[in-house]
């Protein structure tokens, strides 16, 4: 194995240093690299602009649907927030009633458990019914305690009441 010959330290042209012999190759490689990066950036720029258009179209569709239902949804969420805050601040004992939250469409369910004692004694079937009423996502194989915790968080129960119900 022989190593490549090194350039002669003496150059035939006055004023040219031996290191200058290597610069052309490095410059050529840099130029190729820069051109490759620039073309990749152009391709990314095109893909990003296409993605922006796609996302904007989706948002426009959602906005057109949302403006139709915004009045109902906004007032339902506002009422839920007010009732959750009231539940968190005012329900401190198991025999006190929680304020009922409106369902997604604004109506109030009539057949639900409203006290901590009732929730403490509730079965899987009763809690599944509550979660289904409010369209709260859950896995049917979850433990009863986990399901109750989901419902209590949705209801806005404070930690003390949650602890008393779940223990």
N, C-alpha and C. Protein backbone atom coordinates (compact mmCIF):
# COMPACT_ATOMS: atom_id res chain seq x y z
N UNK A 1 0.83 -1.18 0.00
CA UNK A 1 0.00 0.00 0.00
C UNK A 1 0.87 1.24 0.00
N UNK A 2 0.76 1.94 -1.02
CA UNK A 2 1.55 3.16 -1.10
C UNK A 2 0.61 4.34 -0.94
N UNK A 3 1.10 5.35 -0.31
CA UNK A 3 0.28 6.55 -0.11
C UNK A 3 0.37 7.42 -1.35
N UNK A 4 -0.67 8.22 -1.59
CA UNK A 4 -0.64 9.07 -2.78
C UNK A 4 0.49 10.07 -2.68
N UNK A 5 1.06 10.43 -3.81
CA UNK A 5 2.18 11.37 -3.78
C UNK A 5 1.72 12.74 -3.31
N UNK A 6 2.53 13.34 -2.50
CA UNK A 6 2.24 14.67 -2.01
C UNK A 6 2.71 15.69 -3.03
N UNK A 7 2.04 16.81 -3.11
CA UNK A 7 2.49 17.82 -4.06
C UNK A 7 3.86 18.35 -3.66
N UNK A 8 4.58 18.74 -4.66
CA UNK A 8 5.92 19.26 -4.42
C UNK A 8 5.81 20.59 -3.70
N UNK A 9 6.73 20.81 -2.81
CA UNK A 9 6.70 22.05 -2.05
C UNK A 9 7.14 23.23 -2.90
N UNK A 10 7.85 22.94 -3.97
CA UNK A 10 8.25 24.03 -4.84
C UNK A 10 7.31 24.06 -6.02
N UNK A 11 6.80 25.19 -6.29
CA UNK A 11 5.85 25.29 -7.39
C UNK A 11 6.52 25.98 -8.55
N UNK A 12 6.06 25.64 -9.74
CA UNK A 12 6.67 26.23 -10.92
C UNK A 12 6.21 27.66 -11.13
N UNK A 13 5.02 27.99 -10.58
CA UNK A 13 4.52 29.34 -10.73
C UNK A 13 4.84 30.13 -9.47
N UNK A 14 5.47 31.29 -9.65
CA UNK A 14 5.78 32.06 -8.45
C UNK A 14 4.50 32.60 -7.81
N UNK A 15 4.42 32.61 -6.46
CA UNK A 15 3.28 33.15 -5.72
C UNK A 15 2.20 32.12 -5.43
N UNK A 16 2.32 30.89 -5.92
CA UNK A 16 1.32 29.85 -5.65
C UNK A 16 1.86 28.96 -4.55
N UNK A 17 1.07 28.83 -3.49
CA UNK A 17 1.50 28.00 -2.37
C UNK A 17 1.09 26.55 -2.61
N UNK A 18 1.75 25.61 -1.99
CA UNK A 18 1.40 24.19 -2.17
C UNK A 18 -0.04 23.88 -1.71
N UNK A 19 -0.54 24.58 -0.70
CA UNK A 19 -1.89 24.33 -0.21
C UNK A 19 -2.94 24.68 -1.25
N UNK A 20 -2.62 25.60 -2.15
CA UNK A 20 -3.56 26.02 -3.18
C UNK A 20 -3.91 24.87 -4.12
N UNK A 21 -3.05 23.89 -4.23
CA UNK A 21 -3.33 22.74 -5.10
C UNK A 21 -4.55 21.95 -4.60
N UNK A 22 -4.83 21.97 -3.31
CA UNK A 22 -5.94 21.21 -2.74
C UNK A 22 -7.25 22.00 -2.73
N UNK A 23 -7.22 23.26 -2.89
CA UNK A 23 -8.42 24.09 -2.75
C UNK A 23 -9.44 23.84 -3.84
N UNK A 24 -9.04 23.58 -5.02
CA UNK A 24 -10.00 23.41 -6.11
C UNK A 24 -10.90 22.21 -5.83
N UNK A 25 -10.32 21.12 -5.39
CA UNK A 25 -11.10 19.93 -5.10
C UNK A 25 -12.09 20.19 -3.97
N UNK A 26 -11.64 20.81 -2.91
CA UNK A 26 -12.53 21.10 -1.79
C UNK A 26 -13.63 22.06 -2.22
N UNK A 27 -13.30 23.04 -3.01
CA UNK A 27 -14.29 24.01 -3.48
C UNK A 27 -15.32 23.32 -4.36
N UNK A 28 -14.86 22.42 -5.21
CA UNK A 28 -15.78 21.70 -6.09
C UNK A 28 -16.74 20.83 -5.26
N UNK A 29 -16.23 20.18 -4.23
CA UNK A 29 -17.09 19.37 -3.36
C UNK A 29 -18.08 20.25 -2.61
N UNK A 30 -17.63 21.40 -2.15
CA UNK A 30 -18.53 22.32 -1.45
C UNK A 30 -19.63 22.80 -2.37
N UNK A 31 -19.29 23.10 -3.60
CA UNK A 31 -20.28 23.57 -4.57
C UNK A 31 -21.33 22.49 -4.80
N UNK A 32 -20.91 21.26 -4.95
CA UNK A 32 -21.84 20.15 -5.16
C UNK A 32 -22.75 19.99 -3.95
N UNK A 33 -22.17 20.07 -2.77
CA UNK A 33 -22.95 19.94 -1.54
C UNK A 33 -23.97 21.06 -1.42
N UNK A 34 -23.55 22.28 -1.69
CA UNK A 34 -24.46 23.43 -1.61
C UNK A 34 -25.60 23.29 -2.60
N UNK A 35 -25.30 22.87 -3.81
CA UNK A 35 -26.36 22.69 -4.81
C UNK A 35 -27.34 21.60 -4.38
N UNK A 36 -26.83 20.53 -3.80
CA UNK A 36 -27.71 19.46 -3.31
C UNK A 36 -28.61 19.94 -2.19
N UNK A 37 -28.04 20.70 -1.26
CA UNK A 37 -28.84 21.23 -0.15
C UNK A 37 -29.88 22.20 -0.66
N UNK A 38 -29.50 23.05 -1.61
CA UNK A 38 -30.46 24.02 -2.15
C UNK A 38 -31.62 23.33 -2.86
N UNK A 39 -31.34 22.29 -3.62
CA UNK A 39 -32.44 21.59 -4.31
C UNK A 39 -33.33 20.87 -3.29
N UNK A 40 -32.74 20.33 -2.24
CA UNK A 40 -33.53 19.69 -1.18
C UNK A 40 -34.42 20.72 -0.48
N UNK A 41 -33.87 21.90 -0.23
CA UNK A 41 -34.66 22.97 0.41
C UNK A 41 -35.81 23.41 -0.48
N UNK A 42 -35.59 23.49 -1.77
CA UNK A 42 -36.67 23.85 -2.70
C UNK A 42 -37.78 22.81 -2.67
N UNK A 43 -37.39 21.54 -2.64
CA UNK A 43 -38.39 20.47 -2.59
C UNK A 43 -39.18 20.54 -1.28
N UNK A 44 -38.47 20.77 -0.17
CA UNK A 44 -39.15 20.92 1.12
C UNK A 44 -40.10 22.11 1.12
N UNK A 45 -39.66 23.21 0.53
CA UNK A 45 -40.48 24.41 0.46
C UNK A 45 -41.78 24.14 -0.30
N UNK A 46 -41.69 23.41 -1.41
CA UNK A 46 -42.88 23.05 -2.18
C UNK A 46 -43.80 22.14 -1.37
N UNK A 47 -43.23 21.16 -0.68
CA UNK A 47 -44.05 20.26 0.13
C UNK A 47 -44.72 21.01 1.27
N UNK A 48 -44.01 21.93 1.89
CA UNK A 48 -44.58 22.71 3.00
C UNK A 48 -45.72 23.58 2.50
N UNK A 49 -45.56 24.21 1.35
CA UNK A 49 -46.64 25.05 0.83
C UNK A 49 -47.86 24.20 0.49
N UNK A 50 -47.65 22.99 -0.03
CA UNK A 50 -48.78 22.10 -0.28
C UNK A 50 -49.47 21.70 1.02
N UNK A 51 -48.68 21.42 2.06
CA UNK A 51 -49.27 21.08 3.36
C UNK A 51 -50.05 22.24 3.94
N UNK A 52 -49.53 23.46 3.79
CA UNK A 52 -50.24 24.65 4.28
C UNK A 52 -51.59 24.78 3.60
N UNK A 53 -51.62 24.58 2.29
CA UNK A 53 -52.88 24.65 1.56
C UNK A 53 -53.86 23.60 2.06
N UNK A 54 -53.37 22.39 2.28
CA UNK A 54 -54.22 21.30 2.77
C UNK A 54 -54.80 21.63 4.14
N UNK A 55 -53.95 22.11 5.05
CA UNK A 55 -54.41 22.46 6.40
C UNK A 55 -55.38 23.63 6.35
N UNK A 56 -55.10 24.63 5.53
CA UNK A 56 -56.02 25.77 5.42
C UNK A 56 -57.38 25.35 4.89
N UNK A 57 -57.41 24.44 3.93
CA UNK A 57 -58.69 23.93 3.43
C UNK A 57 -59.46 23.22 4.53
N UNK A 58 -58.76 22.43 5.32
CA UNK A 58 -59.42 21.71 6.42
C UNK A 58 -59.98 22.70 7.44
N UNK A 59 -59.21 23.74 7.78
CA UNK A 59 -59.70 24.73 8.74
C UNK A 59 -60.89 25.51 8.19
N UNK A 60 -60.87 25.79 6.91
CA UNK A 60 -62.01 26.50 6.32
C UNK A 60 -63.27 25.65 6.41
N UNK A 61 -63.14 24.35 6.19
CA UNK A 61 -64.30 23.46 6.32
C UNK A 61 -64.79 23.42 7.75
N UNK A 62 -63.86 23.32 8.69
CA UNK A 62 -64.24 23.28 10.11
C UNK A 62 -64.90 24.59 10.52
N UNK A 63 -64.36 25.72 10.06
CA UNK A 63 -64.94 27.01 10.40
C UNK A 63 -66.35 27.15 9.86
N UNK A 64 -66.58 26.66 8.63
CA UNK A 64 -67.92 26.77 8.06
C UNK A 64 -68.91 25.91 8.83
N UNK A 65 -68.48 24.75 9.31
CA UNK A 65 -69.35 23.91 10.13
C UNK A 65 -69.48 24.52 11.52
N UNK A 66 -68.37 25.03 12.05
CA UNK A 66 -68.36 25.57 13.41
C UNK A 66 -69.21 26.81 13.58
N UNK A 67 -69.28 27.68 12.57
CA UNK A 67 -70.10 28.88 12.71
C UNK A 67 -71.56 28.52 12.81
N UNK A 68 -71.95 27.40 12.21
CA UNK A 68 -73.34 26.96 12.28
C UNK A 68 -73.68 26.49 13.70
N UNK A 69 -72.74 25.79 14.36
CA UNK A 69 -73.00 25.22 15.67
C UNK A 69 -72.36 26.01 16.81
N UNK A 70 -71.68 27.09 16.51
CA UNK A 70 -70.90 27.80 17.53
C UNK A 70 -71.76 28.34 18.65
N UNK A 71 -72.95 28.80 18.33
CA UNK A 71 -73.81 29.35 19.37
C UNK A 71 -74.16 28.32 20.42
N UNK A 72 -74.54 27.13 19.99
CA UNK A 72 -74.92 26.08 20.93
C UNK A 72 -73.71 25.57 21.69
N UNK A 73 -72.62 25.25 20.97
CA UNK A 73 -71.44 24.69 21.61
C UNK A 73 -70.81 25.67 22.60
N UNK A 74 -70.74 26.93 22.21
CA UNK A 74 -70.14 27.94 23.09
C UNK A 74 -70.92 28.08 24.38
N UNK A 75 -72.23 28.13 24.29
CA UNK A 75 -73.03 28.29 25.50
C UNK A 75 -73.00 27.02 26.36
N UNK A 76 -72.93 25.84 25.73
CA UNK A 76 -72.85 24.59 26.49
C UNK A 76 -71.54 24.54 27.27
N UNK A 77 -70.44 24.85 26.61
CA UNK A 77 -69.15 24.83 27.30
C UNK A 77 -69.10 25.88 28.41
N UNK A 78 -69.70 27.01 28.18
CA UNK A 78 -69.74 28.05 29.21
C UNK A 78 -70.54 27.59 30.42
N UNK A 79 -71.69 26.96 30.17
CA UNK A 79 -72.50 26.44 31.28
C UNK A 79 -71.77 25.32 32.01
N UNK A 80 -71.11 24.45 31.26
CA UNK A 80 -70.35 23.38 31.90
C UNK A 80 -69.26 23.95 32.79
N UNK A 81 -68.56 24.95 32.30
CA UNK A 81 -67.48 25.56 33.08
C UNK A 81 -68.02 26.18 34.36
N UNK A 82 -69.12 26.90 34.26
CA UNK A 82 -69.72 27.51 35.45
C UNK A 82 -70.14 26.45 36.46
N UNK A 83 -70.78 25.39 36.00
CA UNK A 83 -71.22 24.33 36.91
C UNK A 83 -70.04 23.56 37.50
N UNK A 84 -69.00 23.33 36.71
CA UNK A 84 -67.81 22.67 37.25
C UNK A 84 -67.17 23.51 38.34
N UNK A 85 -67.04 24.80 38.08
CA UNK A 85 -66.45 25.69 39.09
C UNK A 85 -67.30 25.70 40.36
N UNK A 86 -68.63 25.71 40.20
CA UNK A 86 -69.51 25.69 41.37
C UNK A 86 -69.33 24.37 42.12
N UNK A 87 -69.29 23.26 41.40
CA UNK A 87 -69.10 21.95 42.04
C UNK A 87 -67.77 21.90 42.80
N UNK A 88 -66.73 22.42 42.19
CA UNK A 88 -65.41 22.39 42.83
C UNK A 88 -65.39 23.23 44.10
N UNK A 89 -66.08 24.36 44.08
CA UNK A 89 -66.04 25.28 45.22
C UNK A 89 -67.05 24.94 46.31
N UNK A 90 -68.20 24.39 45.96
CA UNK A 90 -69.29 24.28 46.93
C UNK A 90 -69.63 22.87 47.40
N UNK A 91 -69.30 21.86 46.66
CA UNK A 91 -69.61 20.49 47.09
C UNK A 91 -68.42 19.96 47.87
N UNK A 92 -68.61 19.85 49.20
CA UNK A 92 -67.52 19.42 50.06
C UNK A 92 -67.85 18.15 50.84
N UNK A 93 -69.11 17.76 50.85
CA UNK A 93 -69.54 16.55 51.56
C UNK A 93 -70.22 15.60 50.59
N UNK A 94 -70.27 14.33 50.96
CA UNK A 94 -70.84 13.32 50.07
C UNK A 94 -72.35 13.42 49.92
N UNK A 95 -73.03 14.04 50.90
CA UNK A 95 -74.49 14.13 50.80
C UNK A 95 -74.96 15.38 50.05
N UNK A 96 -74.04 16.25 49.66
CA UNK A 96 -74.40 17.45 48.90
C UNK A 96 -74.52 17.10 47.42
N UNK A 97 -75.42 17.80 46.74
CA UNK A 97 -75.66 17.50 45.33
C UNK A 97 -74.72 18.29 44.42
N UNK A 98 -74.23 17.60 43.40
CA UNK A 98 -73.47 18.26 42.34
C UNK A 98 -74.46 18.93 41.39
N UNK A 99 -74.03 20.03 40.81
CA UNK A 99 -74.83 20.62 39.73
C UNK A 99 -74.68 19.75 38.49
N UNK A 100 -75.79 19.53 37.83
CA UNK A 100 -75.79 18.71 36.62
C UNK A 100 -75.22 19.52 35.46
N UNK A 101 -74.38 18.89 34.66
CA UNK A 101 -73.81 19.55 33.49
C UNK A 101 -74.67 19.26 32.27
N UNK A 102 -74.80 20.25 31.37
CA UNK A 102 -75.56 19.99 30.14
C UNK A 102 -74.79 19.03 29.23
N UNK A 103 -75.55 18.28 28.45
CA UNK A 103 -74.93 17.41 27.46
C UNK A 103 -74.46 18.24 26.29
N UNK A 104 -73.86 17.61 25.29
CA UNK A 104 -73.26 18.30 24.15
C UNK A 104 -74.26 19.18 23.41
N UNK A 105 -75.50 18.72 23.31
CA UNK A 105 -76.51 19.45 22.54
C UNK A 105 -77.27 20.46 23.38
N UNK A 106 -76.91 20.61 24.65
CA UNK A 106 -77.53 21.62 25.49
C UNK A 106 -78.62 21.11 26.41
N UNK A 107 -79.06 19.87 26.25
CA UNK A 107 -80.11 19.34 27.12
C UNK A 107 -79.49 18.74 28.38
N UNK A 108 -80.30 18.63 29.42
CA UNK A 108 -79.84 18.09 30.70
C UNK A 108 -80.42 16.69 30.88
N UNK A 109 -79.58 15.72 31.20
CA UNK A 109 -80.11 14.37 31.45
C UNK A 109 -80.86 14.34 32.78
N UNK A 110 -81.90 13.55 32.86
CA UNK A 110 -82.70 13.53 34.07
C UNK A 110 -82.39 12.37 34.99
N UNK A 111 -81.85 11.31 34.48
CA UNK A 111 -81.66 10.09 35.27
C UNK A 111 -80.20 9.87 35.65
N UNK A 112 -79.62 10.83 36.35
CA UNK A 112 -78.21 10.68 36.73
C UNK A 112 -78.06 10.79 38.24
N UNK A 113 -76.96 10.30 38.72
CA UNK A 113 -76.63 10.35 40.15
C UNK A 113 -76.05 11.72 40.43
N UNK A 114 -76.57 12.41 41.45
CA UNK A 114 -76.11 13.78 41.71
C UNK A 114 -75.39 13.95 43.04
N UNK A 115 -75.29 12.91 43.85
CA UNK A 115 -74.60 13.05 45.14
C UNK A 115 -73.35 12.18 45.17
N UNK A 116 -72.45 12.54 46.05
CA UNK A 116 -71.24 11.76 46.22
C UNK A 116 -71.53 10.37 46.77
N UNK A 117 -72.52 10.27 47.68
CA UNK A 117 -72.90 8.95 48.20
C UNK A 117 -73.38 8.04 47.09
N UNK A 118 -74.20 8.59 46.20
CA UNK A 118 -74.70 7.80 45.07
C UNK A 118 -73.58 7.35 44.16
N UNK A 119 -72.63 8.23 43.90
CA UNK A 119 -71.49 7.87 43.05
C UNK A 119 -70.59 6.84 43.73
N UNK A 120 -70.48 6.94 45.04
CA UNK A 120 -69.65 5.99 45.78
C UNK A 120 -70.21 4.57 45.67
N UNK A 121 -71.53 4.45 45.69
CA UNK A 121 -72.19 3.15 45.64
C UNK A 121 -72.50 2.70 44.21
N UNK A 122 -72.21 3.51 43.21
CA UNK A 122 -72.58 3.21 41.83
C UNK A 122 -71.85 1.98 41.30
N UNK A 123 -72.53 1.24 40.45
CA UNK A 123 -71.97 0.04 39.85
C UNK A 123 -71.31 0.38 38.51
N UNK A 124 -70.69 -0.63 37.93
CA UNK A 124 -70.10 -0.46 36.59
C UNK A 124 -71.15 0.00 35.60
N UNK A 125 -72.31 -0.62 35.66
CA UNK A 125 -73.38 -0.30 34.70
C UNK A 125 -73.82 1.15 34.84
N UNK A 126 -73.97 1.63 36.07
CA UNK A 126 -74.41 3.01 36.30
C UNK A 126 -73.36 4.01 35.82
N UNK A 127 -72.10 3.75 36.10
CA UNK A 127 -71.03 4.66 35.67
C UNK A 127 -70.88 4.62 34.15
N UNK A 128 -70.99 3.44 33.55
CA UNK A 128 -70.94 3.34 32.09
C UNK A 128 -72.05 4.18 31.46
N UNK A 129 -73.24 4.14 32.08
CA UNK A 129 -74.37 4.93 31.58
C UNK A 129 -74.06 6.43 31.64
N UNK A 130 -73.47 6.88 32.75
CA UNK A 130 -73.11 8.30 32.89
C UNK A 130 -72.06 8.71 31.86
N UNK A 131 -71.06 7.88 31.68
CA UNK A 131 -70.01 8.20 30.70
C UNK A 131 -70.57 8.23 29.28
N UNK A 132 -71.48 7.32 28.98
CA UNK A 132 -72.11 7.32 27.66
C UNK A 132 -73.01 8.53 27.46
N UNK A 133 -73.73 8.94 28.50
CA UNK A 133 -74.62 10.10 28.39
C UNK A 133 -73.85 11.35 27.95
N UNK A 134 -72.67 11.52 28.53
CA UNK A 134 -71.88 12.72 28.25
C UNK A 134 -70.83 12.50 27.16
N UNK A 135 -70.85 11.37 26.52
CA UNK A 135 -69.88 11.04 25.47
C UNK A 135 -68.44 11.17 25.94
N UNK A 136 -68.19 10.73 27.16
CA UNK A 136 -66.84 10.73 27.72
C UNK A 136 -66.17 9.44 27.26
N UNK A 137 -65.04 9.53 26.54
CA UNK A 137 -64.41 8.31 26.04
C UNK A 137 -63.81 7.47 27.17
N UNK A 138 -64.08 6.17 27.12
CA UNK A 138 -63.53 5.25 28.10
C UNK A 138 -63.44 3.87 27.47
N UNK A 139 -62.64 3.03 28.10
CA UNK A 139 -62.49 1.65 27.67
C UNK A 139 -63.35 0.80 28.58
N UNK A 140 -64.23 -0.03 28.05
CA UNK A 140 -65.13 -0.82 28.89
C UNK A 140 -64.42 -1.71 29.91
N UNK A 141 -63.19 -2.08 29.65
CA UNK A 141 -62.47 -2.96 30.58
C UNK A 141 -61.75 -2.20 31.69
N UNK A 142 -61.94 -0.89 31.75
CA UNK A 142 -61.30 -0.10 32.81
C UNK A 142 -61.86 -0.51 34.17
N UNK A 143 -61.06 -0.31 35.20
CA UNK A 143 -61.53 -0.56 36.56
C UNK A 143 -62.60 0.46 36.91
N UNK A 144 -63.48 0.10 37.83
CA UNK A 144 -64.57 0.98 38.24
C UNK A 144 -64.04 2.28 38.82
N UNK A 145 -62.96 2.20 39.58
CA UNK A 145 -62.37 3.41 40.18
C UNK A 145 -61.91 4.38 39.09
N UNK A 146 -61.32 3.86 38.03
CA UNK A 146 -60.85 4.72 36.93
C UNK A 146 -62.02 5.39 36.22
N UNK A 147 -63.10 4.64 36.03
CA UNK A 147 -64.29 5.21 35.39
C UNK A 147 -64.89 6.30 36.25
N UNK A 148 -64.97 6.05 37.56
CA UNK A 148 -65.51 7.06 38.47
C UNK A 148 -64.63 8.31 38.45
N UNK A 149 -63.32 8.10 38.39
CA UNK A 149 -62.40 9.24 38.36
C UNK A 149 -62.61 10.08 37.10
N UNK A 150 -62.82 9.42 35.97
CA UNK A 150 -63.11 10.15 34.72
C UNK A 150 -64.35 11.01 34.89
N UNK A 151 -65.41 10.42 35.43
CA UNK A 151 -66.66 11.15 35.58
C UNK A 151 -66.51 12.30 36.58
N UNK A 152 -65.82 12.05 37.68
CA UNK A 152 -65.65 13.10 38.69
C UNK A 152 -64.81 14.26 38.16
N UNK A 153 -63.81 13.97 37.37
CA UNK A 153 -63.03 15.06 36.75
C UNK A 153 -63.89 15.86 35.79
N UNK A 154 -64.71 15.15 35.02
CA UNK A 154 -65.63 15.83 34.09
C UNK A 154 -66.61 16.69 34.87
N UNK A 155 -67.07 16.20 36.00
CA UNK A 155 -68.07 16.91 36.81
C UNK A 155 -67.48 18.12 37.53
N UNK A 156 -66.17 18.10 37.76
CA UNK A 156 -65.52 19.21 38.44
C UNK A 156 -65.43 19.02 39.94
N UNK A 157 -65.43 17.78 40.40
CA UNK A 157 -65.33 17.52 41.84
C UNK A 157 -63.94 17.90 42.34
N UNK A 158 -63.90 18.43 43.56
CA UNK A 158 -62.59 18.77 44.12
C UNK A 158 -61.90 17.52 44.64
N UNK A 159 -60.64 17.63 44.97
CA UNK A 159 -59.84 16.45 45.34
C UNK A 159 -60.33 15.79 46.62
N UNK A 160 -60.80 16.57 47.56
CA UNK A 160 -61.27 16.00 48.83
C UNK A 160 -62.47 15.10 48.58
N UNK A 161 -63.44 15.60 47.82
CA UNK A 161 -64.64 14.81 47.53
C UNK A 161 -64.27 13.59 46.68
N UNK A 162 -63.39 13.77 45.71
CA UNK A 162 -62.96 12.63 44.90
C UNK A 162 -62.34 11.55 45.78
N UNK A 163 -61.51 11.96 46.71
CA UNK A 163 -60.85 11.01 47.61
C UNK A 163 -61.89 10.26 48.44
N UNK A 164 -62.88 10.98 48.94
CA UNK A 164 -63.91 10.33 49.77
C UNK A 164 -64.76 9.37 48.95
N UNK A 165 -65.05 9.71 47.72
CA UNK A 165 -65.88 8.84 46.88
C UNK A 165 -65.11 7.60 46.45
N UNK A 166 -63.85 7.77 46.10
CA UNK A 166 -63.07 6.66 45.55
C UNK A 166 -62.50 5.72 46.60
N UNK A 167 -62.43 6.15 47.85
CA UNK A 167 -61.90 5.27 48.92
C UNK A 167 -62.98 4.41 49.51
